[in-house]
Amino acid sequence: MAIQIGGTTVVNDSRQLQNISGVDATTKGNLPYVQDVVSTTTTYTPSLTNQTIDDKISLSTSTVACHSVSKTTSTSTTKVVLDTTMPTFSNQDVLKITSDATTSNGVTTGGYLGGYYRVWLEVSGNNIFSILSRGSFAASATTVTDAMNLEQNLSIRIDSTVSVSTYGTCPPALPLISGGKLLIEFYNYPQSSVSGNGYYTYNDIDFSINVLSNVSQTFFDLGIL
């Protein structure tokens, strides 16, 4: 039997409750989806804004995201706009990541422009893992810059027990290191120095990580986060 208290309403004869402002500790403990989620957001300020990218290559020759390289890989060939550390978090926390780049003035050379950026986060084994890669290699400069400027939102659960390898798509859980390395690079087509394949201007990037603690696995599995 439902009990009507305060502003809570009872729906007809179904006895369902609506507009419940709170539940007691015992009831909450018996509901697997109701928890006290803790949320902390870190917003990052990149450097080297308004730079022309015309001859830079990536830390990796792979054209896709979701693979790892050594944390000590030289960054001399790429345009690193952010080299810092991630916030602190615990195992089984969820990271909600937002990335919104601003690029412009794309110019094709030899009929093409290759423009990309990648986000790398430190994982176990003294490696960094590319969780995100945006951009394109195309005959249209607008196509390339639009691909880089498409806002990205993704969620990653921290799981120290999973192994890291090369994936076609990024896995939902990674053994990311709390307070580990965070690196964002902009580059042209990744395989070689390609000033002959066009250039573009990196203007800025808005990047943030929201750490969610005490999140039910069910929310994550259902794609609610």
C-alpha atoms as a PDB file:
ATOM      1  CA  MET A   1       0.000   0.000   0.000  1.00  0.00           C
ATOM      2  CA  ALA A   2       1.335   3.444  -0.948  1.00  0.00           C
ATOM      3  CA  ILE A   3       1.421   6.161   1.691  1.00  0.00           C
ATOM      4  CA  GLN A   4       0.760   9.744   0.634  1.00  0.00           C
ATOM      5  CA  ILE A   5       2.982  12.274   2.460  1.00  0.00           C
ATOM      6  CA  GLY A   6       3.380  16.001   1.782  1.00  0.00           C
ATOM      7  CA  GLY A   7       3.653  16.813  -1.940  1.00  0.00           C
ATOM      8  CA  THR A   8       3.771  13.140  -2.977  1.00  0.00           C
ATOM      9  CA  THR A   9       0.789  12.171  -5.113  1.00  0.00           C
ATOM     10  CA  VAL A  10      -0.860   8.791  -5.592  1.00  0.00           C
ATOM     11  CA  VAL A  11      -1.745   7.827  -9.172  1.00  0.00           C
ATOM     12  CA  ASN A  12      -5.365   6.568  -9.324  1.00  0.00           C
ATOM     13  CA  ASP A  13      -5.801   2.982  -8.135  1.00  0.00           C
ATOM     14  CA  SER A  14      -2.323   1.860  -9.232  1.00  0.00           C
ATOM     15  CA  ARG A  15      -1.007   3.276  -5.953  1.00  0.00           C
ATOM     16  CA  GLN A  16       2.154   4.535  -7.742  1.00  0.00           C
ATOM     17  CA  LEU A  17       3.913   7.486  -6.134  1.00  0.00           C
ATOM     18  CA  GLN A  18       4.976  10.581  -8.054  1.00  0.00           C
ATOM     19  CA  ASN A  19       7.184  13.580  -7.180  1.00  0.00           C
ATOM     20  CA  ILE A  20       8.982  11.770  -4.360  1.00  0.00           C
ATOM     21  CA  SER A  21      11.354  14.262  -2.782  1.00  0.00           C
ATOM     22  CA  GLY A  22      13.387  11.681  -0.870  1.00  0.00           C
ATOM     23  CA  VAL A  23      13.499   8.211   0.611  1.00  0.00           C
ATOM     24  CA  ASP A  24      14.830   6.893   3.896  1.00  0.00           C
ATOM     25  CA  ALA A  25      18.214   5.163   4.191  1.00  0.00           C
ATOM     26  CA  THR A  26      16.700   1.679   4.470  1.00  0.00           C
ATOM     27  CA  THR A  27      14.638   2.105   1.306  1.00  0.00           C
ATOM     28  CA  LYS A  28      17.583   3.598  -0.583  1.00  0.00           C
ATOM     29  CA  GLY A  29      19.768   0.642   0.389  1.00  0.00           C
ATOM     30  CA  ASN A  30      17.245  -1.713  -1.202  1.00  0.00           C
ATOM     31  CA  LEU A  31      17.145   0.206  -4.504  1.00  0.00           C
ATOM     32  CA  PRO A  32      20.214  -0.656  -6.632  1.00  0.00           C
ATOM     33  CA  TYR A  33      19.852   2.403  -8.874  1.00  0.00           C
ATOM     34  CA  VAL A  34      19.598   5.068  -6.176  1.00  0.00           C
ATOM     35  CA  GLN A  35      22.960   6.228  -4.871  1.00  0.00           C
ATOM     36  CA  ASP A  36      24.636   9.425  -3.735  1.00  0.00           C
ATOM     37  CA  VAL A  37      26.661  10.215  -6.852  1.00  0.00           C
ATOM     38  CA  VAL A  38      29.590  12.573  -6.287  1.00  0.00           C
ATOM     39  CA  SER A  39      30.495  14.786  -9.258  1.00  0.00           C
ATOM     40  CA  THR A  40      33.655  16.883  -9.735  1.00  0.00           C
ATOM     41  CA  THR A  41      34.516  18.650 -12.998  1.00  0.00           C
ATOM     42  CA  THR A  42      37.993  19.748 -14.119  1.00  0.00           C
ATOM     43  CA  THR A  43      38.184  22.207 -17.034  1.00  0.00           C
ATOM     44  CA  TYR A  44      41.483  22.522 -18.898  1.00  0.00           C
ATOM     45  CA  THR A  45      42.965  25.566 -20.621  1.00  0.00           C
ATOM     46  CA  PRO A  46      45.102  24.629 -23.656  1.00  0.00           C
ATOM     47  CA  SER A  47      48.028  26.647 -25.003  1.00  0.00           C
ATOM     48  CA  LEU A  48      49.447  27.609 -28.406  1.00  0.00           C
ATOM     49  CA  THR A  49      46.165  28.969 -29.733  1.00  0.00           C
ATOM     50  CA  ASN A  50      45.894  30.467 -33.238  1.00  0.00           C
ATOM     51  CA  GLN A  51      48.675  28.313 -34.661  1.00  0.00           C
ATOM     52  CA  THR A  52      48.952  27.128 -38.274  1.00  0.00           C
ATOM     53  CA  ILE A  53      49.331  23.349 -38.509  1.00  0.00           C
ATOM     54  CA  ASP A  54      51.014  22.449 -41.796  1.00  0.00           C
ATOM     55  CA  ASP A  55      53.831  19.982 -41.216  1.00  0.00           C
ATOM     56  CA  LYS A  56      53.104  18.092 -38.000  1.00  0.00           C
ATOM     57  CA  ILE A  57      52.648  14.341 -37.631  1.00  0.00           C
ATOM     58  CA  SER A  58      51.140  12.296 -34.819  1.00  0.00           C
ATOM     59  CA  LEU A  59      52.705  10.412 -31.937  1.00  0.00           C
ATOM     60  CA  SER A  60      51.389   7.314 -33.717  1.00  0.00           C
ATOM     61  CA  THR A  61      51.202   6.289 -37.382  1.00  0.00           C
ATOM     62  CA  SER A  62      47.810   4.682 -36.798  1.00  0.00           C
ATOM     63  CA  THR A  63      44.899   6.487 -38.429  1.00  0.00           C
ATOM     64  CA  VAL A  64      42.406   5.402 -35.753  1.00  0.00           C
ATOM     65  CA  ALA A  65      41.959   6.069 -32.069  1.00  0.00           C
ATOM     66  CA  CYS A  66      41.953   3.490 -29.286  1.00  0.00           C
ATOM     67  CA  HIS A  67      45.543   2.307 -29.205  1.00  0.00           C
ATOM     68  CA  SER A  68      48.543   2.958 -26.982  1.00  0.00           C
ATOM     69  CA  VAL A  69      52.098   4.251 -27.255  1.00  0.00           C
ATOM     70  CA  SER A  70      54.824   4.653 -24.676  1.00  0.00           C
ATOM     71  CA  LYS A  71      54.341   7.516 -22.247  1.00  0.00           C
ATOM     72  CA  THR A  72      57.872   8.640 -23.106  1.00  0.00           C
ATOM     73  CA  THR A  73      57.279   8.872 -26.892  1.00  0.00           C
ATOM     74  CA  SER A  74      58.835  12.074 -28.252  1.00  0.00           C
ATOM     75  CA  THR A  75      56.344  14.855 -28.999  1.00  0.00           C
ATOM     76  CA  SER A  76      58.726  16.857 -31.220  1.00  0.00           C
ATOM     77  CA  THR A  77      56.873  16.008 -34.438  1.00  0.00           C
ATOM     78  CA  THR A  78      53.417  17.045 -33.271  1.00  0.00           C
ATOM     79  CA  LYS A  79      51.664  20.218 -32.126  1.00  0.00           C
ATOM     80  CA  VAL A  80      50.941  19.528 -28.465  1.00  0.00           C
ATOM     81  CA  VAL A  81      48.420  22.052 -27.153  1.00  0.00           C
ATOM     82  CA  LEU A  82      47.872  20.469 -23.748  1.00  0.00           C
ATOM     83  CA  ASP A  83      50.349  18.412 -21.713  1.00  0.00           C
ATOM     84  CA  THR A  84      49.137  18.086 -18.153  1.00  0.00           C
ATOM     85  CA  THR A  85      47.632  15.577 -15.717  1.00  0.00           C
ATOM     86  CA  MET A  86      44.211  14.056 -15.222  1.00  0.00           C
ATOM     87  CA  PRO A  87      42.226  14.661 -12.042  1.00  0.00           C
ATOM     88  CA  THR A  88      42.345  12.109  -9.258  1.00  0.00           C
ATOM     89  CA  PHE A  89      39.795   9.304  -9.198  1.00  0.00           C
ATOM     90  CA  SER A  90      39.215   5.825  -7.825  1.00  0.00           C
ATOM     91  CA  ASN A  91      38.682   2.415  -9.364  1.00  0.00           C
ATOM     92  CA  GLN A  92      35.136   2.031 -10.759  1.00  0.00           C
ATOM     93  CA  ASP A  93      34.609   5.800 -11.019  1.00  0.00           C
ATOM     94  CA  VAL A  94      33.249   7.106 -14.321  1.00  0.00           C
ATOM     95  CA  LEU A  95      34.921   9.855 -16.355  1.00  0.00           C
ATOM     96  CA  LYS A  96      32.598  11.929 -18.527  1.00  0.00           C
ATOM     97  CA  ILE A  97      34.796  13.687 -21.090  1.00  0.00           C
ATOM     98  CA  THR A  98      33.806  16.632 -23.282  1.00  0.00           C
ATOM     99  CA  SER A  99      36.003  17.846 -26.125  1.00  0.00           C
ATOM    100  CA  ASP A 100      35.075  20.727 -28.432  1.00  0.00           C
ATOM    101  CA  ALA A 101      37.775  21.948 -30.844  1.00  0.00           C
ATOM    102  CA  THR A 102      37.788  25.127 -32.913  1.00  0.00           C
ATOM    103  CA  THR A 103      39.771  25.039 -36.150  1.00  0.00           C
ATOM    104  CA  SER A 104      39.492  27.187 -39.280  1.00  0.00           C
ATOM    105  CA  ASN A 105      41.252  28.448 -42.428  1.00  0.00           C
ATOM    106  CA  GLY A 106      41.630  25.001 -43.938  1.00  0.00           C
ATOM    107  CA  VAL A 107      43.548  24.958 -47.226  1.00  0.00           C
ATOM    108  CA  THR A 108      44.086  21.976 -49.521  1.00  0.00           C
ATOM    109  CA  THR A 109      47.445  21.431 -51.195  1.00  0.00           C
ATOM    110  CA  GLY A 110      47.857  18.858 -53.919  1.00  0.00           C
ATOM    111  CA  GLY A 111      44.111  18.356 -53.771  1.00  0.00           C
ATOM    112  CA  TYR A 112      43.885  17.246 -50.117  1.00  0.00           C
ATOM    113  CA  LEU A 113      43.941  18.368 -46.521  1.00  0.00           C
ATOM    114  CA  GLY A 114      44.716  16.045 -43.618  1.00  0.00           C
ATOM    115  CA  GLY A 115      43.738  17.534 -40.273  1.00  0.00           C
ATOM    116  CA  TYR A 116      43.262  15.722 -36.964  1.00  0.00           C
ATOM    117  CA  TYR A 117      43.648  15.903 -33.213  1.00  0.00           C
ATOM    118  CA  ARG A 118      43.985  13.218 -30.566  1.00  0.00           C
ATOM    119  CA  VAL A 119      43.441  12.996 -26.825  1.00  0.00           C
ATOM    120  CA  TRP A 120      45.801  10.662 -24.936  1.00  0.00           C
ATOM    121  CA  LEU A 121      45.347   9.507 -21.325  1.00  0.00           C
ATOM    122  CA  GLU A 122      47.802   7.530 -19.228  1.00  0.00           C
ATOM    123  CA  VAL A 123      47.013   3.867 -18.641  1.00  0.00           C
ATOM    124  CA  SER A 124      48.815   1.118 -16.751  1.00  0.00           C
ATOM    125  CA  GLY A 125      52.169  -0.062 -18.087  1.00  0.00           C
ATOM    126  CA  ASN A 126      53.642   3.453 -18.448  1.00  0.00           C
ATOM    127  CA  ASN A 127      51.669   4.004 -21.667  1.00  0.00           C
ATOM    128  CA  ILE A 128      49.236   6.597 -22.969  1.00  0.00           C
ATOM    129  CA  PHE A 129      46.034   5.542 -24.732  1.00  0.00           C
ATOM    130  CA  SER A 130      44.274   7.525 -27.475  1.00  0.00           C
ATOM    131  CA  ILE A 131      40.686   7.688 -26.277  1.00  0.00           C
ATOM    132  CA  LEU A 132      39.663  10.156 -28.971  1.00  0.00           C
ATOM    133  CA  SER A 133      40.698  11.024 -32.532  1.00  0.00           C
ATOM    134  CA  ARG A 134      38.825  13.583 -34.633  1.00  0.00           C
ATOM    135  CA  GLY A 135      39.426  14.882 -38.161  1.00  0.00           C
ATOM    136  CA  SER A 136      39.592  13.751 -41.760  1.00  0.00           C
ATOM    137  CA  PHE A 137      41.762  13.417 -44.874  1.00  0.00           C
ATOM    138  CA  ALA A 138      39.685  14.837 -47.699  1.00  0.00           C
ATOM    139  CA  ALA A 139      39.628  16.947 -50.850  1.00  0.00           C
ATOM    140  CA  SER A 140      37.425  19.500 -49.108  1.00  0.00           C
ATOM    141  CA  ALA A 141      39.063  21.685 -46.461  1.00  0.00           C
ATOM    142  CA  THR A 142      35.638  22.410 -44.981  1.00  0.00           C
ATOM    143  CA  THR A 143      34.998  18.690 -44.523  1.00  0.00           C
ATOM    144  CA  VAL A 144      38.226  18.350 -42.557  1.00  0.00           C
ATOM    145  CA  THR A 145      37.745  21.327 -40.241  1.00  0.00           C
ATOM    146  CA  ASP A 146      34.090  20.419 -39.655  1.00  0.00           C
ATOM    147  CA  ALA A 147      35.176  16.909 -38.639  1.00  0.00           C
ATOM    148  CA  MET A 148      37.626  18.307 -36.100  1.00  0.00           C
ATOM    149  CA  ASN A 149      35.089  20.807 -34.767  1.00  0.00           C
ATOM    150  CA  LEU A 150      32.404  18.225 -33.998  1.00  0.00           C
ATOM    151  CA  GLU A 151      31.884  18.189 -30.224  1.00  0.00           C
ATOM    152  CA  GLN A 152      32.639  14.866 -28.573  1.00  0.00           C
ATOM    153  CA  ASN A 153      31.182  13.407 -25.384  1.00  0.00           C
ATOM    154  CA  LEU A 154      32.197  10.035 -24.012  1.00  0.00           C
ATOM    155  CA  SER A 155      32.136   8.102 -20.761  1.00  0.00           C
ATOM    156  CA  ILE A 156      34.840   5.750 -19.514  1.00  0.00           C
ATOM    157  CA  ARG A 157      34.675   3.586 -16.416  1.00  0.00           C
ATOM    158  CA  ILE A 158      37.914   3.142 -14.486  1.00  0.00           C
ATOM    159  CA  ASP A 159      38.767  -0.539 -14.174  1.00  0.00           C
ATOM    160  CA  SER A 160      42.247  -1.521 -13.025  1.00  0.00           C
ATOM    161  CA  THR A 161      41.672  -5.172 -13.974  1.00  0.00           C
ATOM    162  CA  VAL A 162      41.236  -4.767 -17.752  1.00  0.00           C
ATOM    163  CA  SER A 163      44.129  -5.070 -20.173  1.00  0.00           C
ATOM    164  CA  VAL A 164      44.992  -2.497 -22.842  1.00  0.00           C
ATOM    165  CA  SER A 165      45.483  -3.427 -26.487  1.00  0.00           C
ATOM    166  CA  THR A 166      44.551  -1.979 -29.874  1.00  0.00           C
ATOM    167  CA  TYR A 167      40.807  -1.725 -30.397  1.00  0.00           C
ATOM    168  CA  GLY A 168      38.702  -0.848 -33.429  1.00  0.00           C
ATOM    169  CA  THR A 169      36.511   1.125 -31.057  1.00  0.00           C
ATOM    170  CA  CYS A 170      37.382   2.331 -27.600  1.00  0.00           C
ATOM    171  CA  PRO A 171      36.370  -0.046 -24.790  1.00  0.00           C
ATOM    172  CA  PRO A 172      33.891   1.138 -22.139  1.00  0.00           C
ATOM    173  CA  ALA A 173      36.432   0.571 -19.353  1.00  0.00           C
ATOM    174  CA  LEU A 174      40.150   1.335 -19.149  1.00  0.00           C
ATOM    175  CA  PRO A 175      42.880   1.050 -16.484  1.00  0.00           C
ATOM    176  CA  LEU A 176      43.479   4.801 -16.449  1.00  0.00           C
ATOM    177  CA  ILE A 177      45.950   6.140 -13.889  1.00  0.00           C
ATOM    178  CA  SER A 178      44.605   8.604 -11.330  1.00  0.00           C
ATOM    179  CA  GLY A 179      46.471  11.890 -11.758  1.00  0.00           C
ATOM    180  CA  GLY A 180      48.249  10.440 -14.804  1.00  0.00           C
ATOM    181  CA  LYS A 181      49.357  12.129 -18.008  1.00  0.00           C
ATOM    182  CA  LEU A 182      46.854  13.929 -20.262  1.00  0.00           C
ATOM    183  CA  LEU A 183      48.032  15.034 -23.695  1.00  0.00           C
ATOM    184  CA  ILE A 184      46.215  16.633 -26.664  1.00  0.00           C
ATOM    185  CA  GLU A 185      47.948  16.919 -30.037  1.00  0.00           C
ATOM    186  CA  PHE A 186      46.973  18.465 -33.366  1.00  0.00           C
ATOM    187  CA  TYR A 187      48.583  17.183 -36.549  1.00  0.00           C
ATOM    188  CA  ASN A 188      48.263  16.609 -40.293  1.00  0.00           C
ATOM    189  CA  TYR A 189      47.936  13.190 -41.892  1.00  0.00           C
ATOM    190  CA  PRO A 190      49.758  10.950 -39.382  1.00  0.00           C
ATOM    191  CA  GLN A 191      52.154   8.809 -41.445  1.00  0.00           C
ATOM    192  CA  SER A 192      54.695  11.368 -42.634  1.00  0.00           C
ATOM    193  CA  SER A 193      55.582  15.037 -42.742  1.00  0.00           C
ATOM    194  CA  VAL A 194      52.845  16.273 -45.047  1.00  0.00           C
ATOM    195  CA  SER A 195      53.014  20.016 -45.529  1.00  0.00           C
ATOM    196  CA  GLY A 196      52.147  19.135 -49.131  1.00  0.00           C
ATOM    197  CA  ASN A 197      48.683  17.996 -48.052  1.00  0.00           C
ATOM    198  CA  GLY A 198      47.269  21.273 -46.849  1.00  0.00           C
ATOM    199  CA  TYR A 199      47.084  23.149 -43.583  1.00  0.00           C
ATOM    200  CA  TYR A 200      44.642  24.672 -41.114  1.00  0.00           C
ATOM    201  CA  THR A 201      44.569  26.924 -38.057  1.00  0.00           C
ATOM    202  CA  TYR A 202      44.128  25.541 -34.562  1.00  0.00           C
ATOM    203  CA  ASN A 203      42.186  28.237 -32.711  1.00  0.00           C
ATOM    204  CA  ASP A 204      41.265  26.651 -29.394  1.00  0.00           C
ATOM    205  CA  ILE A 205      39.776  23.622 -27.669  1.00  0.00           C
ATOM    206  CA  ASP A 206      37.394  23.337 -24.729  1.00  0.00           C
ATOM    207  CA  PHE A 207      38.193  20.188 -22.794  1.00  0.00           C
ATOM    208  CA  SER A 208      36.842  18.946 -19.487  1.00  0.00           C
ATOM    209  CA  ILE A 209      36.694  15.784 -17.383  1.00  0.00           C
ATOM    210  CA  ASN A 210      33.818  15.171 -14.996  1.00  0.00           C
ATOM    211  CA  VAL A 211      34.625  12.499 -12.385  1.00  0.00           C
ATOM    212  CA  LEU A 212      31.537  10.656 -11.146  1.00  0.00           C
ATOM    213  CA  SER A 213      31.941   8.517  -8.034  1.00  0.00           C
ATOM    214  CA  ASN A 214      29.544   5.985  -6.539  1.00  0.00           C
ATOM    215  CA  VAL A 215      27.780   5.350  -9.853  1.00  0.00           C
ATOM    216  CA  SER A 216      25.647   2.242 -10.292  1.00  0.00           C
ATOM    217  CA  GLN A 217      27.046  -0.114 -12.962  1.00  0.00           C
ATOM    218  CA  THR A 218      23.482  -0.437 -14.274  1.00  0.00           C
ATOM    219  CA  PHE A 219      23.394   3.202 -15.348  1.00  0.00           C
ATOM    220  CA  PHE A 220      26.665   2.730 -17.204  1.00  0.00           C
ATOM    221  CA  ASP A 221      25.594  -0.544 -18.845  1.00  0.00           C
ATOM    222  CA  LEU A 222      22.321   0.966 -20.086  1.00  0.00           C
ATOM    223  CA  GLY A 223      24.129   3.939 -21.615  1.00  0.00           C
ATOM    224  CA  ILE A 224      22.389   6.437 -19.320  1.00  0.00           C
ATOM    225  CA  LEU A 225      25.726   8.114 -18.524  1.00  0.00           C
END
